[in-house]
Amino acid sequence: MSVFKTFSNGIWRENPVFILMLGMCPTLAVSSSAKNALGMGLATTFVLAGSNLVISLSRRWIPAKVRIPCYIVIIATFVTIVEQLMKAYAPPELNRTLGIYIPLIVVNCIVLGRAEAFASKNGTFASLLDGLGMGLGFSLALMMLGAVREFIAAGTLFELAIVPNWPGIHLLKTPTGAFLVLAFFLAAINQSKIRKCRQSGMKYEPPEELSCRSCNICKLK
């Protein structure tokens, strides 16, 4: 895999949020505004890049039987660094909003998944690029969700008024609003895939687990 493909893979082709559907808890919880989304995205990117780098460097010395506990210890170290840096330098309101979701990066399936699937099997530079790419993809997805939710709910972006006297739709600030916005993004991405498939003369087949072939809901009484 080329250097560029390794880096760009997490931005679009395997975007953690829009394609792999990972990290849904922080995605839906902290994407109520663009600023919160940016803070969470940068924190996760730092942990992803740092843990991937260290795990790749030490993979030859980590026994296979205890690799997962070792990965968690490494990830927890970087999460602690991020948490202390944010307490020292981040705005107090951002710390309050992100709250428990920063320590929970330790068990974020994106971070542990990249450690097991990529960093433990590839070189140092490639692992660093993979972590940065996945982190950037996660950050962009969060910011897109946060920007849409913030704008519709309050008419602002990064707490700057874009539309004065905007009435706002409070639903977009709630978890229900997060699910709705994410659903529209996923629908748009899937529609784009279907259109490209048809333009190339191919028939689009949905994943088997999402098709009617594996669904029995209609048969339930």
N, C-alpha and C. Protein backbone atom coordinates (compact mmCIF):
# COMPACT_ATOMS: atom_id res chain seq x y z
N MET A 1 0.84 -1.19 0.00
CA MET A 1 0.00 0.00 0.00
C MET A 1 0.88 1.24 0.00
N SER A 2 0.58 2.23 -0.88
CA SER A 2 1.38 3.43 -0.97
C SER A 2 1.20 4.30 0.27
N VAL A 3 2.16 5.23 0.44
CA VAL A 3 2.10 6.14 1.59
C VAL A 3 0.83 6.96 1.56
N PHE A 4 0.49 7.50 0.38
CA PHE A 4 -0.71 8.34 0.27
C PHE A 4 -1.97 7.53 0.55
N LYS A 5 -2.03 6.29 0.03
CA LYS A 5 -3.22 5.46 0.24
C LYS A 5 -3.37 5.09 1.71
N THR A 6 -2.23 4.83 2.37
CA THR A 6 -2.28 4.51 3.80
C THR A 6 -2.88 5.66 4.59
N PHE A 7 -2.45 6.89 4.24
CA PHE A 7 -2.93 8.07 4.96
C PHE A 7 -4.39 8.39 4.62
N SER A 8 -4.73 8.32 3.33
CA SER A 8 -6.07 8.74 2.90
C SER A 8 -7.14 7.67 3.13
N ASN A 9 -6.73 6.46 3.43
CA ASN A 9 -7.69 5.37 3.58
C ASN A 9 -8.73 5.68 4.66
N GLY A 10 -8.28 6.21 5.80
CA GLY A 10 -9.19 6.50 6.90
C GLY A 10 -10.04 7.74 6.69
N ILE A 11 -9.64 8.58 5.74
CA ILE A 11 -10.40 9.81 5.51
C ILE A 11 -11.70 9.53 4.79
N TRP A 12 -11.65 8.62 3.79
CA TRP A 12 -12.88 8.35 3.05
C TRP A 12 -13.17 6.86 2.90
N ARG A 13 -12.26 6.10 2.29
CA ARG A 13 -12.53 4.71 1.95
C ARG A 13 -12.92 3.87 3.17
N GLU A 14 -12.26 4.10 4.31
CA GLU A 14 -12.59 3.40 5.55
C GLU A 14 -12.84 4.41 6.67
N ASN A 15 -13.61 5.44 6.36
CA ASN A 15 -13.91 6.45 7.38
C ASN A 15 -14.53 5.77 8.60
N PRO A 16 -13.99 6.02 9.80
CA PRO A 16 -14.48 5.32 11.00
C PRO A 16 -15.96 5.50 11.27
N VAL A 17 -16.49 6.68 10.95
CA VAL A 17 -17.88 7.00 11.28
C VAL A 17 -18.82 6.65 10.13
N PHE A 18 -18.54 7.15 8.94
CA PHE A 18 -19.47 7.03 7.83
C PHE A 18 -19.41 5.68 7.10
N ILE A 19 -18.28 4.99 7.19
CA ILE A 19 -18.12 3.72 6.49
C ILE A 19 -18.09 2.53 7.46
N LEU A 20 -17.22 2.60 8.46
CA LEU A 20 -17.07 1.49 9.39
C LEU A 20 -18.06 1.54 10.55
N MET A 21 -18.68 2.69 10.77
CA MET A 21 -19.66 2.86 11.85
C MET A 21 -19.06 2.52 13.21
N LEU A 22 -17.87 3.03 13.49
CA LEU A 22 -17.21 2.81 14.77
C LEU A 22 -17.23 4.10 15.59
N GLY A 23 -17.06 3.96 16.90
CA GLY A 23 -17.01 5.13 17.78
C GLY A 23 -18.31 5.90 17.83
N MET A 24 -19.44 5.19 17.78
CA MET A 24 -20.74 5.87 17.74
C MET A 24 -21.06 6.63 19.03
N CYS A 25 -20.58 6.14 20.17
CA CYS A 25 -20.89 6.80 21.44
C CYS A 25 -20.37 8.24 21.47
N PRO A 26 -19.06 8.48 21.27
CA PRO A 26 -18.61 9.88 21.26
C PRO A 26 -19.13 10.65 20.05
N THR A 27 -19.33 9.95 18.92
CA THR A 27 -19.82 10.63 17.72
C THR A 27 -21.16 11.29 17.97
N LEU A 28 -22.07 10.57 18.57
CA LEU A 28 -23.42 11.09 18.79
C LEU A 28 -23.48 11.99 20.03
N ALA A 29 -22.60 11.77 20.98
CA ALA A 29 -22.69 12.50 22.24
C ALA A 29 -22.05 13.89 22.17
N VAL A 30 -20.92 14.03 21.50
CA VAL A 30 -20.19 15.30 21.55
C VAL A 30 -20.27 16.10 20.27
N SER A 31 -21.04 15.63 19.29
CA SER A 31 -21.13 16.37 18.02
C SER A 31 -22.27 17.38 18.02
N SER A 32 -22.64 17.90 19.19
CA SER A 32 -23.71 18.89 19.26
C SER A 32 -23.27 20.24 18.75
N SER A 33 -21.95 20.47 18.64
CA SER A 33 -21.43 21.72 18.08
C SER A 33 -20.11 21.43 17.39
N ALA A 34 -19.72 22.32 16.49
CA ALA A 34 -18.48 22.14 15.74
C ALA A 34 -17.26 22.21 16.66
N LYS A 35 -17.31 23.06 17.68
CA LYS A 35 -16.17 23.20 18.59
C LYS A 35 -15.95 21.94 19.41
N ASN A 36 -17.03 21.37 19.93
CA ASN A 36 -16.91 20.13 20.69
C ASN A 36 -16.39 19.00 19.80
N ALA A 37 -16.90 18.95 18.57
CA ALA A 37 -16.47 17.91 17.64
C ALA A 37 -14.99 18.04 17.32
N LEU A 38 -14.52 19.27 17.12
CA LEU A 38 -13.10 19.49 16.82
C LEU A 38 -12.23 19.06 18.00
N GLY A 39 -12.63 19.41 19.22
CA GLY A 39 -11.87 19.03 20.40
C GLY A 39 -11.76 17.52 20.55
N MET A 40 -12.87 16.82 20.37
CA MET A 40 -12.87 15.37 20.48
C MET A 40 -12.06 14.73 19.37
N GLY A 41 -12.18 15.29 18.17
CA GLY A 41 -11.45 14.74 17.03
C GLY A 41 -9.95 14.88 17.18
N LEU A 42 -9.48 16.04 17.64
CA LEU A 42 -8.05 16.25 17.83
C LEU A 42 -7.50 15.34 18.93
N ALA A 43 -8.26 15.19 20.01
CA ALA A 43 -7.82 14.31 21.11
C ALA A 43 -7.69 12.87 20.62
N THR A 44 -8.67 12.40 19.88
CA THR A 44 -8.64 11.03 19.38
C THR A 44 -7.52 10.84 18.36
N THR A 45 -7.28 11.85 17.53
CA THR A 45 -6.20 11.77 16.54
C THR A 45 -4.85 11.64 17.22
N PHE A 46 -4.62 12.40 18.28
CA PHE A 46 -3.36 12.33 19.02
C PHE A 46 -3.16 10.93 19.60
N VAL A 47 -4.22 10.38 20.18
CA VAL A 47 -4.12 9.05 20.78
C VAL A 47 -3.90 7.99 19.70
N LEU A 48 -4.61 8.09 18.59
CA LEU A 48 -4.46 7.14 17.50
C LEU A 48 -3.03 7.14 16.95
N ALA A 49 -2.51 8.32 16.65
CA ALA A 49 -1.18 8.41 16.06
C ALA A 49 -0.12 7.94 17.06
N GLY A 50 -0.22 8.39 18.30
CA GLY A 50 0.78 8.02 19.31
C GLY A 50 0.77 6.55 19.64
N SER A 51 -0.42 5.98 19.85
CA SER A 51 -0.49 4.57 20.20
C SER A 51 -0.08 3.68 19.03
N ASN A 52 -0.48 4.05 17.81
CA ASN A 52 -0.04 3.28 16.64
C ASN A 52 1.48 3.27 16.53
N LEU A 53 2.09 4.42 16.75
CA LEU A 53 3.54 4.53 16.64
C LEU A 53 4.24 3.64 17.66
N VAL A 54 3.83 3.73 18.92
CA VAL A 54 4.49 2.96 19.98
C VAL A 54 4.22 1.47 19.82
N ILE A 55 3.01 1.09 19.47
CA ILE A 55 2.69 -0.33 19.30
C ILE A 55 3.47 -0.93 18.13
N SER A 56 3.62 -0.16 17.06
CA SER A 56 4.41 -0.65 15.94
C SER A 56 5.87 -0.82 16.32
N LEU A 57 6.40 0.11 17.10
CA LEU A 57 7.79 0.03 17.53
C LEU A 57 8.04 -1.18 18.44
N SER A 58 7.06 -1.50 19.28
CA SER A 58 7.26 -2.54 20.30
C SER A 58 6.59 -3.86 19.98
N ARG A 59 6.03 -3.99 18.77
CA ARG A 59 5.23 -5.19 18.47
C ARG A 59 6.04 -6.48 18.54
N ARG A 60 7.33 -6.43 18.25
CA ARG A 60 8.15 -7.64 18.28
C ARG A 60 8.43 -8.13 19.70
N TRP A 61 8.27 -7.26 20.67
CA TRP A 61 8.58 -7.62 22.05
C TRP A 61 7.33 -7.87 22.89
N ILE A 62 6.16 -7.68 22.31
CA ILE A 62 4.91 -7.90 23.04
C ILE A 62 4.44 -9.33 22.80
N PRO A 63 4.36 -10.17 23.85
CA PRO A 63 3.89 -11.55 23.66
C PRO A 63 2.46 -11.57 23.13
N ALA A 64 2.18 -12.49 22.23
CA ALA A 64 0.87 -12.55 21.59
C ALA A 64 -0.26 -12.75 22.59
N LYS A 65 -0.01 -13.51 23.66
CA LYS A 65 -1.07 -13.83 24.63
C LYS A 65 -1.51 -12.62 25.45
N VAL A 66 -0.64 -11.61 25.58
CA VAL A 66 -1.00 -10.44 26.40
C VAL A 66 -0.99 -9.17 25.57
N ARG A 67 -1.13 -9.31 24.26
CA ARG A 67 -1.02 -8.12 23.41
C ARG A 67 -2.14 -7.11 23.66
N ILE A 68 -3.38 -7.60 23.86
CA ILE A 68 -4.50 -6.67 24.07
C ILE A 68 -4.33 -5.86 25.36
N PRO A 69 -4.01 -6.48 26.51
CA PRO A 69 -3.74 -5.68 27.71
C PRO A 69 -2.60 -4.69 27.52
N CYS A 70 -1.56 -5.11 26.79
CA CYS A 70 -0.44 -4.20 26.53
C CYS A 70 -0.88 -3.02 25.67
N TYR A 71 -1.70 -3.29 24.67
CA TYR A 71 -2.21 -2.21 23.81
C TYR A 71 -3.03 -1.22 24.64
N ILE A 72 -3.86 -1.74 25.53
CA ILE A 72 -4.72 -0.87 26.34
C ILE A 72 -3.87 0.01 27.26
N VAL A 73 -2.80 -0.56 27.83
CA VAL A 73 -1.91 0.24 28.68
C VAL A 73 -1.26 1.37 27.88
N ILE A 74 -0.81 1.07 26.67
CA ILE A 74 -0.20 2.09 25.81
C ILE A 74 -1.21 3.17 25.45
N ILE A 75 -2.41 2.73 25.05
CA ILE A 75 -3.45 3.70 24.70
C ILE A 75 -3.83 4.55 25.90
N ALA A 76 -3.96 3.93 27.07
CA ALA A 76 -4.33 4.67 28.28
C ALA A 76 -3.28 5.72 28.63
N THR A 77 -2.02 5.43 28.34
CA THR A 77 -0.95 6.41 28.60
C THR A 77 -1.17 7.67 27.78
N PHE A 78 -1.46 7.49 26.50
CA PHE A 78 -1.68 8.66 25.63
C PHE A 78 -2.97 9.38 25.98
N VAL A 79 -3.99 8.64 26.40
CA VAL A 79 -5.24 9.28 26.83
C VAL A 79 -5.00 10.13 28.07
N THR A 80 -4.20 9.64 28.99
CA THR A 80 -3.88 10.41 30.20
C THR A 80 -3.14 11.69 29.84
N ILE A 81 -2.22 11.61 28.89
CA ILE A 81 -1.49 12.79 28.44
C ILE A 81 -2.46 13.82 27.86
N VAL A 82 -3.38 13.35 27.00
CA VAL A 82 -4.37 14.24 26.38
C VAL A 82 -5.25 14.88 27.45
N GLU A 83 -5.71 14.07 28.40
CA GLU A 83 -6.60 14.58 29.45
C GLU A 83 -5.92 15.67 30.28
N GLN A 84 -4.65 15.46 30.64
CA GLN A 84 -3.93 16.45 31.43
C GLN A 84 -3.66 17.72 30.63
N LEU A 85 -3.33 17.57 29.35
CA LEU A 85 -3.10 18.74 28.50
C LEU A 85 -4.38 19.56 28.33
N MET A 86 -5.51 18.88 28.18
CA MET A 86 -6.77 19.59 28.02
C MET A 86 -7.17 20.30 29.31
N LYS A 87 -6.92 19.68 30.45
CA LYS A 87 -7.21 20.34 31.72
C LYS A 87 -6.35 21.58 31.91
N ALA A 88 -5.14 21.54 31.36
CA ALA A 88 -4.22 22.66 31.54
C ALA A 88 -4.46 23.79 30.54
N TYR A 89 -4.82 23.45 29.31
CA TYR A 89 -4.83 24.48 28.26
C TYR A 89 -6.17 24.66 27.55
N ALA A 90 -7.06 23.67 27.58
CA ALA A 90 -8.33 23.80 26.87
C ALA A 90 -9.30 24.69 27.64
N PRO A 91 -10.24 25.35 26.95
CA PRO A 91 -11.25 26.16 27.64
C PRO A 91 -12.04 25.31 28.63
N PRO A 92 -12.37 25.86 29.81
CA PRO A 92 -13.09 25.08 30.83
C PRO A 92 -14.41 24.50 30.34
N GLU A 93 -15.15 25.25 29.50
CA GLU A 93 -16.44 24.75 29.04
C GLU A 93 -16.26 23.55 28.11
N LEU A 94 -15.16 23.52 27.35
CA LEU A 94 -14.90 22.37 26.49
C LEU A 94 -14.59 21.14 27.33
N ASN A 95 -13.82 21.33 28.40
CA ASN A 95 -13.52 20.22 29.32
C ASN A 95 -14.79 19.66 29.95
N ARG A 96 -15.68 20.56 30.33
CA ARG A 96 -16.93 20.12 30.96
C ARG A 96 -17.80 19.35 29.96
N THR A 97 -17.83 19.82 28.72
CA THR A 97 -18.68 19.17 27.72
C THR A 97 -18.16 17.79 27.34
N LEU A 98 -16.87 17.70 27.10
CA LEU A 98 -16.29 16.41 26.71
C LEU A 98 -16.27 15.43 27.88
N GLY A 99 -15.96 15.96 29.08
CA GLY A 99 -16.08 15.19 30.31
C GLY A 99 -15.53 13.78 30.24
N ILE A 100 -16.41 12.81 30.49
CA ILE A 100 -16.02 11.41 30.58
C ILE A 100 -15.61 10.84 29.24
N TYR A 101 -15.96 11.51 28.14
CA TYR A 101 -15.68 10.94 26.82
C TYR A 101 -14.19 10.96 26.47
N ILE A 102 -13.40 11.80 27.11
CA ILE A 102 -11.96 11.77 26.90
C ILE A 102 -11.35 10.51 27.51
N PRO A 103 -11.58 10.20 28.79
CA PRO A 103 -11.06 8.92 29.33
C PRO A 103 -11.58 7.70 28.59
N LEU A 104 -12.79 7.79 28.03
CA LEU A 104 -13.37 6.64 27.33
C LEU A 104 -12.70 6.37 25.99
N ILE A 105 -11.79 7.25 25.55
CA ILE A 105 -11.03 6.96 24.33
C ILE A 105 -10.23 5.67 24.50
N VAL A 106 -9.90 5.34 25.76
CA VAL A 106 -9.14 4.11 26.03
C VAL A 106 -9.84 2.89 25.44
N VAL A 107 -11.17 2.85 25.52
CA VAL A 107 -11.91 1.69 25.03
C VAL A 107 -12.62 1.98 23.71
N ASN A 108 -12.23 3.08 23.06
CA ASN A 108 -12.81 3.38 21.76
C ASN A 108 -12.38 2.32 20.76
N CYS A 109 -13.35 1.69 20.09
CA CYS A 109 -13.03 0.58 19.20
C CYS A 109 -12.21 1.02 17.99
N ILE A 110 -12.24 2.32 17.65
CA ILE A 110 -11.41 2.79 16.55
C ILE A 110 -9.94 2.65 16.92
N VAL A 111 -9.57 3.11 18.12
CA VAL A 111 -8.17 3.11 18.54
C VAL A 111 -7.66 1.69 18.72
N LEU A 112 -8.39 0.88 19.46
CA LEU A 112 -7.95 -0.50 19.69
C LEU A 112 -7.98 -1.31 18.40
N GLY A 113 -8.96 -1.02 17.54
CA GLY A 113 -9.06 -1.73 16.28
C GLY A 113 -7.88 -1.48 15.36
N ARG A 114 -7.42 -0.22 15.29
CA ARG A 114 -6.27 0.09 14.44
C ARG A 114 -4.99 -0.49 15.04
N ALA A 115 -4.91 -0.53 16.36
CA ALA A 115 -3.73 -1.13 17.00
C ALA A 115 -3.62 -2.61 16.64
N GLU A 116 -4.74 -3.33 16.69
CA GLU A 116 -4.74 -4.76 16.43
C GLU A 116 -4.66 -5.06 14.93
N ALA A 117 -5.40 -4.29 14.12
CA ALA A 117 -5.50 -4.61 12.69
C ALA A 117 -4.34 -4.07 11.87
N PHE A 118 -3.73 -2.96 12.31
CA PHE A 118 -2.71 -2.33 11.47
C PHE A 118 -1.36 -2.18 12.16
N ALA A 119 -1.33 -1.47 13.29
CA ALA A 119 -0.05 -1.14 13.92
C ALA A 119 0.73 -2.39 14.33
N SER A 120 0.03 -3.44 14.73
CA SER A 120 0.72 -4.66 15.18
C SER A 120 1.29 -5.47 14.02
N LYS A 121 0.99 -5.06 12.78
CA LYS A 121 1.42 -5.84 11.62
C LYS A 121 2.24 -5.04 10.62
N ASN A 122 2.40 -3.73 10.84
CA ASN A 122 3.06 -2.89 9.86
C ASN A 122 4.17 -2.05 10.48
N GLY A 123 4.94 -1.39 9.61
CA GLY A 123 6.08 -0.60 10.04
C GLY A 123 5.68 0.67 10.77
N THR A 124 6.68 1.33 11.34
CA THR A 124 6.44 2.50 12.18
C THR A 124 5.83 3.66 11.40
N PHE A 125 6.43 4.01 10.26
CA PHE A 125 5.95 5.16 9.49
C PHE A 125 4.53 4.92 8.97
N ALA A 126 4.30 3.71 8.44
CA ALA A 126 2.96 3.39 7.93
C ALA A 126 1.92 3.42 9.05
N SER A 127 2.29 2.94 10.22
CA SER A 127 1.35 2.94 11.35
C SER A 127 1.03 4.35 11.81
N LEU A 128 2.04 5.21 11.80
CA LEU A 128 1.81 6.61 12.16
C LEU A 128 0.86 7.28 11.17
N LEU A 129 1.09 7.04 9.87
CA LEU A 129 0.22 7.61 8.85
C LEU A 129 -1.21 7.07 8.97
N ASP A 130 -1.32 5.78 9.28
CA ASP A 130 -2.65 5.19 9.44
C ASP A 130 -3.39 5.84 10.60
N GLY A 131 -2.68 6.05 11.71
CA GLY A 131 -3.30 6.70 12.86
C GLY A 131 -3.73 8.13 12.55
N LEU A 132 -2.86 8.87 11.85
CA LEU A 132 -3.20 10.25 11.49
C LEU A 132 -4.38 10.29 10.52
N GLY A 133 -4.38 9.38 9.54
CA GLY A 133 -5.47 9.35 8.57
C GLY A 133 -6.80 8.98 9.20
N MET A 134 -6.79 7.96 10.05
CA MET A 134 -8.02 7.56 10.74
C MET A 134 -8.50 8.68 11.67
N GLY A 135 -7.55 9.32 12.36
CA GLY A 135 -7.93 10.42 13.25
C GLY A 135 -8.51 11.59 12.49
N LEU A 136 -7.90 11.90 11.33
CA LEU A 136 -8.43 13.00 10.52
C LEU A 136 -9.81 12.67 9.98
N GLY A 137 -9.99 11.43 9.53
CA GLY A 137 -11.31 11.03 9.05
C GLY A 137 -12.36 11.11 10.15
N PHE A 138 -11.99 10.67 11.35
CA PHE A 138 -12.91 10.75 12.49
C PHE A 138 -13.23 12.21 12.82
N SER A 139 -12.19 13.07 12.81
CA SER A 139 -12.38 14.49 13.11
C SER A 139 -13.29 15.16 12.09
N LEU A 140 -13.07 14.89 10.80
CA LEU A 140 -13.89 15.49 9.75
C LEU A 140 -15.35 15.06 9.86
N ALA A 141 -15.56 13.77 10.15
CA ALA A 141 -16.93 13.27 10.30
C ALA A 141 -17.63 13.95 11.48
N LEU A 142 -16.93 14.05 12.61
CA LEU A 142 -17.50 14.71 13.78
C LEU A 142 -17.81 16.17 13.50
N MET A 143 -16.89 16.86 12.81
CA MET A 143 -17.10 18.28 12.54
C MET A 143 -18.25 18.50 11.56
N MET A 144 -18.41 17.61 10.59
CA MET A 144 -19.54 17.73 9.67
C MET A 144 -20.85 17.58 10.41
N LEU A 145 -20.92 16.57 11.28
CA LEU A 145 -22.14 16.37 12.08
C LEU A 145 -22.35 17.55 13.02
N GLY A 146 -21.28 17.98 13.70
CA GLY A 146 -21.39 19.08 14.65
C GLY A 146 -21.79 20.39 14.00
N ALA A 147 -21.22 20.67 12.81
CA ALA A 147 -21.54 21.92 12.12
C ALA A 147 -23.01 21.96 11.70
N VAL A 148 -23.51 20.84 11.16
CA VAL A 148 -24.91 20.79 10.74
C VAL A 148 -25.84 20.94 11.94
N ARG A 149 -25.55 20.21 13.01
CA ARG A 149 -26.41 20.26 14.19
C ARG A 149 -26.39 21.65 14.82
N GLU A 150 -25.20 22.23 14.94
CA GLU A 150 -25.10 23.55 15.56
C GLU A 150 -25.81 24.62 14.73
N PHE A 151 -25.62 24.56 13.41
CA PHE A 151 -26.22 25.58 12.55
C PHE A 151 -27.74 25.51 12.58
N ILE A 152 -28.29 24.29 12.45
CA ILE A 152 -29.75 24.18 12.45
C ILE A 152 -30.34 24.48 13.82
N ALA A 153 -29.63 24.12 14.88
CA ALA A 153 -30.16 24.32 16.23
C ALA A 153 -30.04 25.77 16.69
N ALA A 154 -28.96 26.46 16.28
CA ALA A 154 -28.75 27.81 16.82
C ALA A 154 -28.37 28.85 15.79
N GLY A 155 -28.16 28.46 14.55
CA GLY A 155 -27.75 29.42 13.52
C GLY A 155 -26.33 29.91 13.67
N THR A 156 -25.48 29.11 14.34
CA THR A 156 -24.09 29.50 14.57
C THR A 156 -23.14 28.41 14.07
N LEU A 157 -21.87 28.79 13.90
CA LEU A 157 -20.79 27.86 13.60
C LEU A 157 -19.60 28.24 14.45
N PHE A 158 -19.08 27.30 15.21
CA PHE A 158 -18.01 27.57 16.17
C PHE A 158 -18.40 28.75 17.08
N GLU A 159 -19.70 28.76 17.44
CA GLU A 159 -20.29 29.75 18.35
C GLU A 159 -20.29 31.16 17.79
N LEU A 160 -20.08 31.30 16.48
CA LEU A 160 -20.18 32.59 15.81
C LEU A 160 -21.51 32.66 15.07
N ALA A 161 -22.27 33.75 15.27
CA ALA A 161 -23.59 33.88 14.66
C ALA A 161 -23.47 33.97 13.14
N ILE A 162 -24.14 33.06 12.44
CA ILE A 162 -24.15 33.08 10.98
C ILE A 162 -25.46 33.68 10.47
N VAL A 163 -26.56 33.30 11.10
CA VAL A 163 -27.87 33.83 10.74
C VAL A 163 -28.45 34.51 11.98
N PRO A 164 -28.48 35.84 12.01
CA PRO A 164 -29.04 36.54 13.18
C PRO A 164 -30.52 36.19 13.39
N ASN A 165 -30.92 36.15 14.65
CA ASN A 165 -32.31 35.90 15.03
C ASN A 165 -32.83 34.56 14.47
N TRP A 166 -31.95 33.60 14.36
CA TRP A 166 -32.35 32.27 13.89
C TRP A 166 -33.21 31.60 14.95
N PRO A 167 -34.43 31.15 14.59
CA PRO A 167 -35.30 30.55 15.62
C PRO A 167 -34.74 29.25 16.17
N GLY A 168 -34.10 28.48 15.32
CA GLY A 168 -33.45 27.24 15.77
C GLY A 168 -34.42 26.08 15.98
N ILE A 169 -33.88 24.90 15.87
CA ILE A 169 -34.64 23.67 16.11
C ILE A 169 -33.92 22.92 17.22
N HIS A 170 -34.44 22.96 18.42
CA HIS A 170 -33.75 22.39 19.58
C HIS A 170 -33.54 20.90 19.46
N LEU A 171 -34.37 20.23 18.66
CA LEU A 171 -34.25 18.77 18.50
C LEU A 171 -32.84 18.37 18.06
N LEU A 172 -32.19 19.23 17.27
CA LEU A 172 -30.86 18.91 16.74
C LEU A 172 -29.80 18.91 17.83
N LYS A 173 -30.08 19.49 18.99
CA LYS A 173 -29.13 19.46 20.11
C LYS A 173 -29.23 18.19 20.94
N THR A 174 -30.26 17.42 20.70
CA THR A 174 -30.51 16.22 21.49
C THR A 174 -29.91 14.98 20.80
N PRO A 175 -29.79 13.85 21.54
CA PRO A 175 -29.32 12.61 20.90
C PRO A 175 -30.19 12.18 19.73
N THR A 176 -31.48 12.43 19.81
CA THR A 176 -32.36 12.10 18.69
C THR A 176 -31.94 12.85 17.44
N GLY A 177 -31.62 14.13 17.61
CA GLY A 177 -31.15 14.93 16.48
C GLY A 177 -29.86 14.40 15.90
N ALA A 178 -28.98 13.90 16.77
CA ALA A 178 -27.72 13.33 16.30
C ALA A 178 -27.97 12.11 15.41
N PHE A 179 -28.90 11.24 15.83
CA PHE A 179 -29.24 10.07 15.02
C PHE A 179 -29.82 10.48 13.67
N LEU A 180 -30.68 11.51 13.67
CA LEU A 180 -31.30 11.95 12.42
C LEU A 180 -30.27 12.50 11.44
N VAL A 181 -29.37 13.35 11.93
CA VAL A 181 -28.36 13.94 11.05
C VAL A 181 -27.43 12.86 10.51
N LEU A 182 -27.01 11.95 11.37
CA LEU A 182 -26.14 10.85 10.92
C LEU A 182 -26.85 10.00 9.87
N ALA A 183 -28.14 9.76 10.07
CA ALA A 183 -28.90 8.96 9.10
C ALA A 183 -28.94 9.64 7.73
N PHE A 184 -29.11 10.97 7.70
CA PHE A 184 -29.13 11.69 6.42
C PHE A 184 -27.76 11.62 5.73
N PHE A 185 -26.69 11.73 6.49
CA PHE A 185 -25.35 11.61 5.91
C PHE A 185 -25.14 10.22 5.32
N LEU A 186 -25.52 9.18 6.06
CA LEU A 186 -25.35 7.82 5.58
C LEU A 186 -26.21 7.55 4.35
N ALA A 187 -27.42 8.11 4.34
CA ALA A 187 -28.30 7.94 3.17
C ALA A 187 -27.68 8.59 1.94
N ALA A 188 -27.10 9.77 2.11
CA ALA A 188 -26.47 10.47 0.98
C ALA A 188 -25.26 9.69 0.45
N ILE A 189 -24.46 9.13 1.36
CA ILE A 189 -23.29 8.35 0.95
C ILE A 189 -23.72 7.09 0.21
N ASN A 190 -24.74 6.40 0.72
CA ASN A 190 -25.22 5.18 0.06
C ASN A 190 -25.84 5.49 -1.30
N GLN A 191 -26.55 6.60 -1.40
CA GLN A 191 -27.13 6.98 -2.68
C GLN A 191 -26.04 7.29 -3.71
N SER A 192 -24.96 7.91 -3.24
CA SER A 192 -23.83 8.19 -4.13
C SER A 192 -23.20 6.90 -4.64
N LYS A 193 -23.07 5.91 -3.76
CA LYS A 193 -22.51 4.62 -4.17
C LYS A 193 -23.40 3.93 -5.19
N ILE A 194 -24.71 3.99 -4.98
CA ILE A 194 -25.65 3.36 -5.92
C ILE A 194 -25.58 4.04 -7.28
N ARG A 195 -25.51 5.38 -7.29
CA ARG A 195 -25.46 6.11 -8.55
C ARG A 195 -24.18 5.79 -9.33
N LYS A 196 -23.04 5.75 -8.63
CA LYS A 196 -21.77 5.42 -9.29
C LYS A 196 -21.79 3.99 -9.84
N CYS A 197 -22.42 3.10 -9.10
CA CYS A 197 -22.52 1.71 -9.53
C CYS A 197 -23.34 1.60 -10.81
N ARG A 198 -24.45 2.32 -10.87
CA ARG A 198 -25.31 2.28 -12.05
C ARG A 198 -24.66 2.94 -13.25
N GLN A 199 -23.91 4.03 -13.00
CA GLN A 199 -23.23 4.71 -14.09
C GLN A 199 -22.16 3.84 -14.73
N SER A 200 -21.58 2.95 -13.95
CA SER A 200 -20.55 2.06 -14.48
C SER A 200 -21.15 0.78 -15.08
N GLY A 201 -22.48 0.71 -15.14
CA GLY A 201 -23.15 -0.43 -15.75
C GLY A 201 -23.26 -1.64 -14.86
N MET A 202 -23.04 -1.47 -13.57
CA MET A 202 -23.10 -2.58 -12.63
C MET A 202 -24.39 -2.52 -11.82
N LYS A 203 -24.79 -3.65 -11.28
CA LYS A 203 -25.97 -3.72 -10.43
C LYS A 203 -25.54 -3.62 -8.98
N TYR A 204 -26.15 -2.70 -8.25
CA TYR A 204 -25.79 -2.51 -6.85
C TYR A 204 -26.44 -3.58 -5.99
N GLU A 205 -25.62 -4.26 -5.21
CA GLU A 205 -26.11 -5.27 -4.27
C GLU A 205 -25.79 -4.82 -2.86
N PRO A 206 -26.80 -4.61 -2.01
CA PRO A 206 -26.53 -4.21 -0.63
C PRO A 206 -25.83 -5.33 0.13
N PRO A 207 -25.10 -4.99 1.19
CA PRO A 207 -24.47 -6.05 1.99
C PRO A 207 -25.50 -7.06 2.45
N GLU A 208 -25.13 -8.33 2.49
CA GLU A 208 -26.08 -9.40 2.79
C GLU A 208 -26.78 -9.20 4.12
N GLU A 209 -26.01 -8.67 5.13
CA GLU A 209 -26.61 -8.51 6.45
C GLU A 209 -27.65 -7.40 6.49
N LEU A 210 -27.69 -6.55 5.43
CA LEU A 210 -28.65 -5.45 5.40
C LEU A 210 -29.80 -5.70 4.43
N SER A 211 -29.78 -6.81 3.73
CA SER A 211 -30.80 -7.08 2.73
C SER A 211 -31.95 -7.89 3.33
N CYS A 212 -33.03 -7.99 2.56
CA CYS A 212 -34.21 -8.72 3.03
C CYS A 212 -33.95 -10.21 3.16
N ARG A 213 -32.88 -10.71 2.48
CA ARG A 213 -32.60 -12.13 2.51
C ARG A 213 -32.29 -12.64 3.91
N SER A 214 -31.75 -11.75 4.75
CA SER A 214 -31.38 -12.19 6.10
C SER A 214 -32.28 -11.56 7.16
N CYS A 215 -33.41 -11.04 6.74
CA CYS A 215 -34.32 -10.37 7.68
C CYS A 215 -35.61 -11.20 7.83
N ASN A 216 -36.03 -11.39 9.06
CA ASN A 216 -37.26 -12.15 9.33
C ASN A 216 -38.33 -11.32 10.01
N ILE A 217 -38.17 -10.00 10.03
CA ILE A 217 -39.11 -9.14 10.74
C ILE A 217 -40.52 -9.27 10.17
N CYS A 218 -40.61 -9.34 8.82
CA CYS A 218 -41.95 -9.42 8.20
C CYS A 218 -42.67 -10.70 8.57
N LYS A 219 -41.94 -11.74 8.96
CA LYS A 219 -42.55 -13.03 9.28
C LYS A 219 -43.01 -13.11 10.73
N LEU A 220 -42.61 -12.12 11.53
CA LEU A 220 -42.98 -12.15 12.94
C LEU A 220 -44.44 -11.76 13.11
N LYS A 221 -45.11 -12.42 13.98
CA LYS A 221 -46.53 -12.14 14.24
C LYS A 221 -46.68 -11.50 15.61
